[in-house]
């Protein structure tokens, strides 16, 4: 790590802390003795395989927006938690590119735990439910559980 003050490449770590999704390190330059903070976060390039065969970069905002639409007026903190859980499931899948089919299933699983109506809203779009009998079948499955 280079010192931002004198560009010396020798620094020492004074303290490390784990934040939400990153690692915070307090450092000191061994030459000029100035202190500074660095943040480390893992990066990856995940791609998504769409139903039509196109591959595009993964965008967590799309999942968040879908959950927000389905859940209506849910608290932003809840939407963020659900989005994070879906993202963790996607990463645990260890597949690149990941199919939208899997992403949709993960969203459905989390919405089912959180809010049954949000689950139905998302399922009606995800599963292309356009027949009232199909919707009734989906509702009956939720009621049974």
N, C-alpha and C. Protein backbone atom coordinates (compact mmCIF):
# COMPACT_ATOMS: atom_id res chain seq x y z
N UNK A 1 0.85 -1.17 0.00
CA UNK A 1 0.00 0.00 0.00
C UNK A 1 0.89 1.24 0.00
N UNK A 2 0.63 2.15 -0.91
CA UNK A 2 1.40 3.38 -1.00
C UNK A 2 0.82 4.45 -0.08
N UNK A 3 1.69 5.19 0.55
CA UNK A 3 1.27 6.30 1.41
C UNK A 3 0.70 7.41 0.52
N UNK A 4 -0.49 7.92 0.82
CA UNK A 4 -1.07 8.99 0.00
C UNK A 4 -0.36 10.33 0.18
N UNK A 5 0.48 10.45 1.19
CA UNK A 5 1.16 11.71 1.48
C UNK A 5 2.54 11.79 0.81
N UNK A 6 3.32 10.70 0.93
CA UNK A 6 4.68 10.75 0.40
C UNK A 6 4.97 9.67 -0.65
N UNK A 7 4.01 8.84 -0.95
CA UNK A 7 4.10 7.76 -1.94
C UNK A 7 5.07 6.63 -1.56
N UNK A 8 5.47 6.61 -0.32
CA UNK A 8 6.32 5.52 0.15
C UNK A 8 5.49 4.23 0.15
N UNK A 9 6.12 3.11 -0.24
CA UNK A 9 5.34 1.88 -0.32
C UNK A 9 5.42 1.03 0.94
N UNK A 10 6.13 1.52 1.95
CA UNK A 10 6.22 0.78 3.20
C UNK A 10 5.33 1.42 4.25
N UNK A 11 4.28 0.69 4.61
CA UNK A 11 3.37 1.14 5.65
C UNK A 11 3.12 -0.02 6.61
N UNK A 12 2.64 0.31 7.79
CA UNK A 12 2.30 -0.77 8.71
C UNK A 12 0.84 -0.62 9.14
N UNK A 13 0.21 -1.76 9.36
CA UNK A 13 -1.19 -1.79 9.77
C UNK A 13 -1.24 -1.65 11.28
N UNK A 14 -1.97 -0.63 11.75
CA UNK A 14 -2.11 -0.40 13.18
C UNK A 14 -3.32 -1.12 13.76
N UNK A 15 -4.36 -1.19 12.93
CA UNK A 15 -5.62 -1.75 13.41
C UNK A 15 -6.45 -2.21 12.22
N UNK A 16 -7.16 -3.31 12.38
CA UNK A 16 -8.07 -3.81 11.35
C UNK A 16 -9.43 -4.06 11.97
N UNK A 17 -10.47 -3.67 11.24
CA UNK A 17 -11.84 -3.91 11.70
C UNK A 17 -12.69 -4.37 10.52
N UNK A 18 -13.62 -5.24 10.82
CA UNK A 18 -14.54 -5.70 9.79
C UNK A 18 -15.78 -4.83 9.85
N UNK A 19 -16.10 -4.19 8.73
CA UNK A 19 -17.33 -3.43 8.59
C UNK A 19 -18.36 -4.33 7.94
N UNK A 20 -19.48 -3.79 7.52
CA UNK A 20 -20.57 -4.58 6.94
C UNK A 20 -20.08 -5.54 5.87
N UNK A 21 -19.50 -5.01 4.83
CA UNK A 21 -19.04 -5.87 3.74
C UNK A 21 -17.63 -5.52 3.29
N UNK A 22 -16.88 -4.91 4.19
CA UNK A 22 -15.51 -4.55 3.84
C UNK A 22 -14.61 -4.66 5.07
N UNK A 23 -13.33 -4.51 4.84
CA UNK A 23 -12.34 -4.55 5.90
C UNK A 23 -11.70 -3.17 5.98
N UNK A 24 -11.73 -2.57 7.17
CA UNK A 24 -11.16 -1.24 7.39
C UNK A 24 -9.81 -1.43 8.07
N UNK A 25 -8.79 -0.78 7.50
CA UNK A 25 -7.45 -0.86 8.09
C UNK A 25 -6.92 0.55 8.36
N UNK A 26 -6.43 0.75 9.55
CA UNK A 26 -5.77 1.99 9.93
C UNK A 26 -4.28 1.75 9.72
N UNK A 27 -3.64 2.60 8.93
CA UNK A 27 -2.23 2.39 8.56
C UNK A 27 -1.38 3.60 8.94
N UNK A 28 -0.07 3.34 9.03
CA UNK A 28 0.90 4.41 9.29
C UNK A 28 2.07 4.25 8.33
N UNK A 29 2.45 5.35 7.70
CA UNK A 29 3.60 5.34 6.80
C UNK A 29 4.88 5.24 7.65
N UNK A 30 5.78 4.36 7.22
CA UNK A 30 7.02 4.19 7.97
C UNK A 30 8.04 5.29 7.69
N UNK A 31 7.79 6.07 6.65
CA UNK A 31 8.72 7.15 6.30
C UNK A 31 8.27 8.48 6.91
N UNK A 32 7.06 8.92 6.58
CA UNK A 32 6.61 10.25 7.02
C UNK A 32 5.76 10.21 8.30
N UNK A 33 5.38 9.01 8.75
CA UNK A 33 4.61 8.79 9.98
C UNK A 33 3.17 9.30 9.94
N UNK A 34 2.71 9.68 8.78
CA UNK A 34 1.30 10.07 8.65
C UNK A 34 0.44 8.82 8.70
N UNK A 35 -0.78 8.99 9.20
CA UNK A 35 -1.72 7.87 9.30
C UNK A 35 -2.86 8.05 8.31
N UNK A 36 -3.36 6.94 7.82
CA UNK A 36 -4.49 6.98 6.89
C UNK A 36 -5.27 5.68 6.99
N UNK A 37 -6.47 5.68 6.43
CA UNK A 37 -7.37 4.53 6.50
C UNK A 37 -7.59 3.97 5.10
N UNK A 38 -7.59 2.65 5.00
CA UNK A 38 -7.92 2.00 3.73
C UNK A 38 -9.09 1.06 3.97
N UNK A 39 -9.84 0.82 2.91
CA UNK A 39 -10.97 -0.11 2.96
C UNK A 39 -10.78 -1.16 1.88
N UNK A 40 -10.95 -2.40 2.26
CA UNK A 40 -10.80 -3.50 1.31
C UNK A 40 -12.15 -4.17 1.14
N UNK A 41 -12.48 -4.43 -0.11
CA UNK A 41 -13.73 -5.11 -0.42
C UNK A 41 -13.48 -6.05 -1.58
N UNK A 42 -14.00 -7.26 -1.46
CA UNK A 42 -13.82 -8.24 -2.53
C UNK A 42 -14.59 -7.79 -3.76
N UNK A 43 -14.00 -7.98 -4.91
CA UNK A 43 -14.69 -7.63 -6.14
C UNK A 43 -14.75 -8.86 -7.04
N UNK A 44 -15.78 -8.92 -7.83
CA UNK A 44 -15.97 -10.05 -8.73
C UNK A 44 -16.78 -9.56 -9.92
N UNK A 45 -16.70 -10.28 -11.00
CA UNK A 45 -17.48 -9.90 -12.18
C UNK A 45 -18.43 -11.05 -12.51
N UNK A 46 -19.59 -10.96 -11.96
CA UNK A 46 -20.62 -11.97 -12.16
C UNK A 46 -21.48 -11.56 -13.35
N UNK A 47 -21.88 -12.54 -14.16
CA UNK A 47 -22.75 -12.26 -15.30
C UNK A 47 -24.03 -13.06 -15.17
N UNK A 48 -25.05 -12.62 -15.90
CA UNK A 48 -26.38 -13.22 -15.85
C UNK A 48 -26.74 -13.72 -17.24
N UNK A 49 -27.23 -14.96 -17.29
CA UNK A 49 -27.71 -15.54 -18.54
C UNK A 49 -29.22 -15.36 -18.59
N UNK A 50 -29.68 -14.53 -19.53
CA UNK A 50 -31.11 -14.23 -19.66
C UNK A 50 -31.82 -15.38 -20.37
N UNK A 51 -33.14 -15.38 -20.30
CA UNK A 51 -33.95 -16.43 -20.93
C UNK A 51 -33.75 -16.47 -22.44
N UNK A 52 -33.49 -15.32 -23.04
CA UNK A 52 -33.32 -15.27 -24.50
C UNK A 52 -31.90 -15.63 -24.94
N UNK A 53 -31.03 -16.01 -23.98
CA UNK A 53 -29.68 -16.43 -24.31
C UNK A 53 -28.63 -15.34 -24.20
N UNK A 54 -29.05 -14.10 -24.00
CA UNK A 54 -28.09 -13.00 -23.86
C UNK A 54 -27.42 -13.06 -22.50
N UNK A 55 -26.17 -12.63 -22.47
CA UNK A 55 -25.41 -12.56 -21.23
C UNK A 55 -25.14 -11.09 -20.93
N UNK A 56 -25.41 -10.69 -19.69
CA UNK A 56 -25.16 -9.30 -19.31
C UNK A 56 -24.57 -9.25 -17.90
N UNK A 57 -23.93 -8.14 -17.55
CA UNK A 57 -23.34 -8.03 -16.21
C UNK A 57 -24.42 -8.09 -15.12
N UNK A 58 -24.07 -8.71 -14.01
CA UNK A 58 -24.96 -8.80 -12.85
C UNK A 58 -25.13 -7.41 -12.26
N UNK A 59 -26.38 -7.06 -11.92
CA UNK A 59 -26.68 -5.76 -11.32
C UNK A 59 -27.59 -5.97 -10.13
N UNK A 60 -27.06 -5.82 -8.94
CA UNK A 60 -27.82 -6.04 -7.71
C UNK A 60 -28.97 -5.05 -7.58
N UNK A 61 -28.86 -3.89 -8.23
CA UNK A 61 -29.93 -2.88 -8.17
C UNK A 61 -31.22 -3.41 -8.78
N UNK A 62 -31.10 -4.25 -9.80
CA UNK A 62 -32.29 -4.82 -10.44
C UNK A 62 -33.06 -5.71 -9.46
N UNK A 63 -32.33 -6.47 -8.68
CA UNK A 63 -32.97 -7.33 -7.68
C UNK A 63 -33.65 -6.48 -6.63
N UNK A 64 -32.94 -5.46 -6.17
CA UNK A 64 -33.50 -4.56 -5.16
C UNK A 64 -34.77 -3.88 -5.67
N UNK A 65 -34.75 -3.42 -6.91
CA UNK A 65 -35.93 -2.77 -7.49
C UNK A 65 -37.10 -3.74 -7.62
N UNK A 66 -36.82 -4.98 -7.99
CA UNK A 66 -37.87 -6.00 -8.11
C UNK A 66 -38.51 -6.29 -6.76
N UNK A 67 -37.68 -6.41 -5.74
CA UNK A 67 -38.18 -6.67 -4.39
C UNK A 67 -39.00 -5.48 -3.91
N UNK A 68 -38.52 -4.28 -4.21
CA UNK A 68 -39.23 -3.07 -3.80
C UNK A 68 -40.60 -2.98 -4.48
N UNK A 69 -40.67 -3.28 -5.77
CA UNK A 69 -41.95 -3.26 -6.48
C UNK A 69 -42.91 -4.29 -5.90
N UNK A 70 -42.41 -5.47 -5.65
CA UNK A 70 -43.26 -6.55 -5.14
C UNK A 70 -43.76 -6.28 -3.73
N UNK A 71 -42.91 -5.68 -2.90
CA UNK A 71 -43.27 -5.48 -1.50
C UNK A 71 -44.00 -4.17 -1.24
N UNK A 72 -44.20 -3.37 -2.26
CA UNK A 72 -44.97 -2.15 -2.09
C UNK A 72 -44.25 -1.12 -1.26
N UNK A 73 -44.80 -0.84 -0.10
CA UNK A 73 -44.25 0.23 0.74
C UNK A 73 -43.38 -0.30 1.87
N UNK A 74 -42.62 -1.31 1.59
CA UNK A 74 -41.74 -1.89 2.61
C UNK A 74 -40.62 -0.92 2.96
N UNK A 75 -40.16 -1.05 4.17
CA UNK A 75 -39.06 -0.25 4.68
C UNK A 75 -37.80 -0.53 3.86
N UNK A 76 -37.02 0.49 3.57
CA UNK A 76 -35.80 0.34 2.76
C UNK A 76 -34.81 -0.61 3.43
N UNK A 77 -34.81 -0.65 4.74
CA UNK A 77 -33.90 -1.54 5.46
C UNK A 77 -34.27 -3.01 5.21
N UNK A 78 -35.56 -3.30 5.17
CA UNK A 78 -36.03 -4.66 4.91
C UNK A 78 -35.67 -5.06 3.48
N UNK A 79 -35.90 -4.15 2.54
CA UNK A 79 -35.56 -4.42 1.13
C UNK A 79 -34.07 -4.70 1.00
N UNK A 80 -33.27 -3.92 1.70
CA UNK A 80 -31.82 -4.10 1.67
C UNK A 80 -31.42 -5.47 2.24
N UNK A 81 -32.05 -5.89 3.33
CA UNK A 81 -31.75 -7.19 3.93
C UNK A 81 -32.12 -8.33 2.99
N UNK A 82 -33.30 -8.24 2.38
CA UNK A 82 -33.74 -9.27 1.45
C UNK A 82 -32.81 -9.34 0.25
N UNK A 83 -32.43 -8.19 -0.27
CA UNK A 83 -31.52 -8.12 -1.40
C UNK A 83 -30.18 -8.76 -1.05
N UNK A 84 -29.68 -8.49 0.13
CA UNK A 84 -28.40 -9.05 0.58
C UNK A 84 -28.49 -10.58 0.68
N UNK A 85 -29.61 -11.08 1.20
CA UNK A 85 -29.78 -12.54 1.30
C UNK A 85 -29.81 -13.19 -0.08
N UNK A 86 -30.49 -12.55 -1.02
CA UNK A 86 -30.53 -13.07 -2.39
C UNK A 86 -29.13 -13.07 -2.99
N UNK A 87 -28.40 -11.97 -2.79
CA UNK A 87 -27.04 -11.88 -3.32
C UNK A 87 -26.15 -12.98 -2.73
N UNK A 88 -26.28 -13.26 -1.44
CA UNK A 88 -25.48 -14.30 -0.82
C UNK A 88 -25.80 -15.67 -1.42
N UNK A 89 -27.08 -15.93 -1.69
CA UNK A 89 -27.47 -17.20 -2.30
C UNK A 89 -26.88 -17.33 -3.71
N UNK A 90 -26.89 -16.22 -4.43
CA UNK A 90 -26.32 -16.22 -5.78
C UNK A 90 -24.83 -16.53 -5.74
N UNK A 91 -24.12 -15.91 -4.81
CA UNK A 91 -22.68 -16.14 -4.69
C UNK A 91 -22.37 -17.56 -4.24
N UNK A 92 -23.20 -18.12 -3.36
CA UNK A 92 -23.00 -19.50 -2.91
C UNK A 92 -23.22 -20.51 -4.03
N UNK A 93 -23.98 -20.13 -5.02
CA UNK A 93 -24.26 -21.01 -6.16
C UNK A 93 -22.98 -21.29 -6.93
N UNK A 94 -22.04 -20.36 -6.91
CA UNK A 94 -20.73 -20.50 -7.56
C UNK A 94 -20.86 -20.82 -9.05
N UNK A 95 -21.80 -20.17 -9.71
CA UNK A 95 -22.01 -20.36 -11.13
C UNK A 95 -21.86 -19.01 -11.83
N UNK A 96 -21.10 -19.01 -12.91
CA UNK A 96 -20.94 -17.78 -13.68
C UNK A 96 -20.90 -18.14 -15.16
N UNK A 97 -21.86 -17.72 -15.96
CA UNK A 97 -22.99 -16.86 -15.62
C UNK A 97 -24.08 -17.63 -14.88
N UNK A 98 -24.85 -16.88 -14.10
CA UNK A 98 -25.97 -17.48 -13.38
C UNK A 98 -27.25 -17.20 -14.17
N UNK A 99 -28.12 -18.18 -14.25
CA UNK A 99 -29.35 -18.03 -15.01
C UNK A 99 -30.37 -17.21 -14.23
N UNK A 100 -31.17 -16.43 -14.95
CA UNK A 100 -32.21 -15.63 -14.31
C UNK A 100 -33.22 -16.52 -13.59
N UNK A 101 -33.36 -17.74 -14.05
CA UNK A 101 -34.24 -18.71 -13.41
C UNK A 101 -33.86 -18.89 -11.95
N UNK A 102 -32.57 -19.03 -11.67
CA UNK A 102 -32.09 -19.21 -10.30
C UNK A 102 -32.28 -17.95 -9.48
N UNK A 103 -31.99 -16.82 -10.08
CA UNK A 103 -32.15 -15.55 -9.36
C UNK A 103 -33.60 -15.36 -8.95
N UNK A 104 -34.50 -15.61 -9.86
CA UNK A 104 -35.93 -15.49 -9.56
C UNK A 104 -36.37 -16.41 -8.44
N UNK A 105 -35.86 -17.64 -8.44
CA UNK A 105 -36.19 -18.59 -7.36
C UNK A 105 -35.70 -18.09 -6.01
N UNK A 106 -34.49 -17.54 -6.01
CA UNK A 106 -33.94 -17.03 -4.75
C UNK A 106 -34.79 -15.86 -4.22
N UNK A 107 -35.22 -14.99 -5.12
CA UNK A 107 -36.07 -13.85 -4.72
C UNK A 107 -37.39 -14.38 -4.16
N UNK A 108 -37.98 -15.36 -4.85
CA UNK A 108 -39.24 -15.95 -4.38
C UNK A 108 -39.09 -16.56 -2.99
N UNK A 109 -37.99 -17.27 -2.76
CA UNK A 109 -37.77 -17.90 -1.45
C UNK A 109 -37.74 -16.85 -0.33
N UNK A 110 -37.03 -15.75 -0.58
CA UNK A 110 -36.92 -14.72 0.46
C UNK A 110 -38.24 -13.97 0.65
N UNK A 111 -38.93 -13.68 -0.44
CA UNK A 111 -40.22 -12.98 -0.33
C UNK A 111 -41.25 -13.85 0.38
N UNK A 112 -41.21 -15.13 0.16
CA UNK A 112 -42.17 -16.05 0.80
C UNK A 112 -42.01 -16.01 2.32
N UNK A 113 -40.77 -15.91 2.79
CA UNK A 113 -40.50 -15.83 4.23
C UNK A 113 -40.96 -14.49 4.81
N UNK A 114 -40.81 -13.44 4.00
CA UNK A 114 -41.07 -12.08 4.48
C UNK A 114 -42.54 -11.68 4.37
N UNK A 115 -43.12 -11.82 3.19
CA UNK A 115 -44.47 -11.29 2.93
C UNK A 115 -45.13 -12.10 1.82
N UNK A 116 -46.22 -12.75 2.16
CA UNK A 116 -46.91 -13.62 1.19
C UNK A 116 -47.49 -12.85 0.01
N UNK A 117 -47.98 -11.66 0.25
CA UNK A 117 -48.55 -10.85 -0.83
C UNK A 117 -47.46 -10.39 -1.78
N UNK A 118 -46.32 -9.99 -1.24
CA UNK A 118 -45.18 -9.61 -2.08
C UNK A 118 -44.73 -10.81 -2.91
N UNK A 119 -44.76 -11.98 -2.27
CA UNK A 119 -44.41 -13.21 -2.99
C UNK A 119 -45.35 -13.40 -4.18
N UNK A 120 -46.65 -13.25 -3.97
CA UNK A 120 -47.62 -13.43 -5.04
C UNK A 120 -47.44 -12.41 -6.16
N UNK A 121 -47.15 -11.17 -5.79
CA UNK A 121 -46.91 -10.13 -6.81
C UNK A 121 -45.72 -10.51 -7.69
N UNK A 122 -44.63 -10.91 -7.03
CA UNK A 122 -43.43 -11.27 -7.78
C UNK A 122 -43.67 -12.53 -8.60
N UNK A 123 -44.33 -13.52 -8.00
CA UNK A 123 -44.58 -14.79 -8.68
C UNK A 123 -45.46 -14.59 -9.92
N UNK A 124 -46.41 -13.68 -9.84
CA UNK A 124 -47.30 -13.46 -10.99
C UNK A 124 -46.53 -12.96 -12.21
N UNK A 125 -45.49 -12.20 -11.99
CA UNK A 125 -44.65 -11.71 -13.09
C UNK A 125 -43.61 -12.77 -13.46
N UNK A 126 -42.92 -13.29 -12.45
CA UNK A 126 -41.84 -14.26 -12.67
C UNK A 126 -42.34 -15.52 -13.36
N UNK A 127 -43.48 -16.02 -12.92
CA UNK A 127 -44.04 -17.25 -13.48
C UNK A 127 -45.03 -17.00 -14.60
N UNK A 128 -45.15 -15.75 -15.01
CA UNK A 128 -46.06 -15.35 -16.09
C UNK A 128 -47.48 -15.87 -15.85
N UNK A 129 -47.99 -15.64 -14.65
CA UNK A 129 -49.34 -16.09 -14.31
C UNK A 129 -50.33 -15.10 -14.90
N UNK A 130 -51.10 -15.59 -15.89
CA UNK A 130 -52.12 -14.73 -16.50
C UNK A 130 -53.50 -15.36 -16.42
N UNK A 131 -53.59 -16.52 -15.78
CA UNK A 131 -54.85 -17.23 -15.62
C UNK A 131 -55.23 -17.21 -14.14
N UNK A 132 -56.45 -16.77 -13.80
CA UNK A 132 -56.87 -16.72 -12.39
C UNK A 132 -56.77 -18.07 -11.69
N UNK A 133 -56.97 -19.16 -12.42
CA UNK A 133 -56.87 -20.49 -11.81
C UNK A 133 -55.43 -20.80 -11.39
N UNK A 134 -54.48 -20.35 -12.19
CA UNK A 134 -53.07 -20.55 -11.84
C UNK A 134 -52.72 -19.74 -10.59
N UNK A 135 -53.26 -18.51 -10.52
CA UNK A 135 -53.04 -17.67 -9.34
C UNK A 135 -53.67 -18.31 -8.11
N UNK A 136 -54.87 -18.87 -8.28
CA UNK A 136 -55.55 -19.55 -7.18
C UNK A 136 -54.71 -20.74 -6.69
N UNK A 137 -54.14 -21.46 -7.62
CA UNK A 137 -53.28 -22.61 -7.27
C UNK A 137 -52.08 -22.14 -6.46
N UNK A 138 -51.49 -21.04 -6.87
CA UNK A 138 -50.33 -20.48 -6.16
C UNK A 138 -50.73 -20.05 -4.75
N UNK A 139 -51.90 -19.43 -4.61
CA UNK A 139 -52.40 -19.00 -3.30
C UNK A 139 -52.64 -20.23 -2.41
N UNK A 140 -53.21 -21.27 -2.98
CA UNK A 140 -53.47 -22.48 -2.20
C UNK A 140 -52.17 -23.11 -1.70
N UNK A 141 -51.11 -23.05 -2.49
CA UNK A 141 -49.82 -23.59 -2.05
C UNK A 141 -49.26 -22.80 -0.87
N UNK A 142 -49.48 -21.49 -0.88
CA UNK A 142 -49.01 -20.65 0.23
C UNK A 142 -49.81 -20.95 1.49
N UNK A 143 -51.13 -21.10 1.34
CA UNK A 143 -52.01 -21.35 2.48
C UNK A 143 -51.66 -22.69 3.14
N UNK A 144 -51.32 -23.70 2.34
CA UNK A 144 -50.97 -25.01 2.86
C UNK A 144 -49.71 -24.95 3.72
N UNK A 145 -48.79 -24.09 3.35
CA UNK A 145 -47.53 -23.99 4.07
C UNK A 145 -47.71 -23.13 5.30
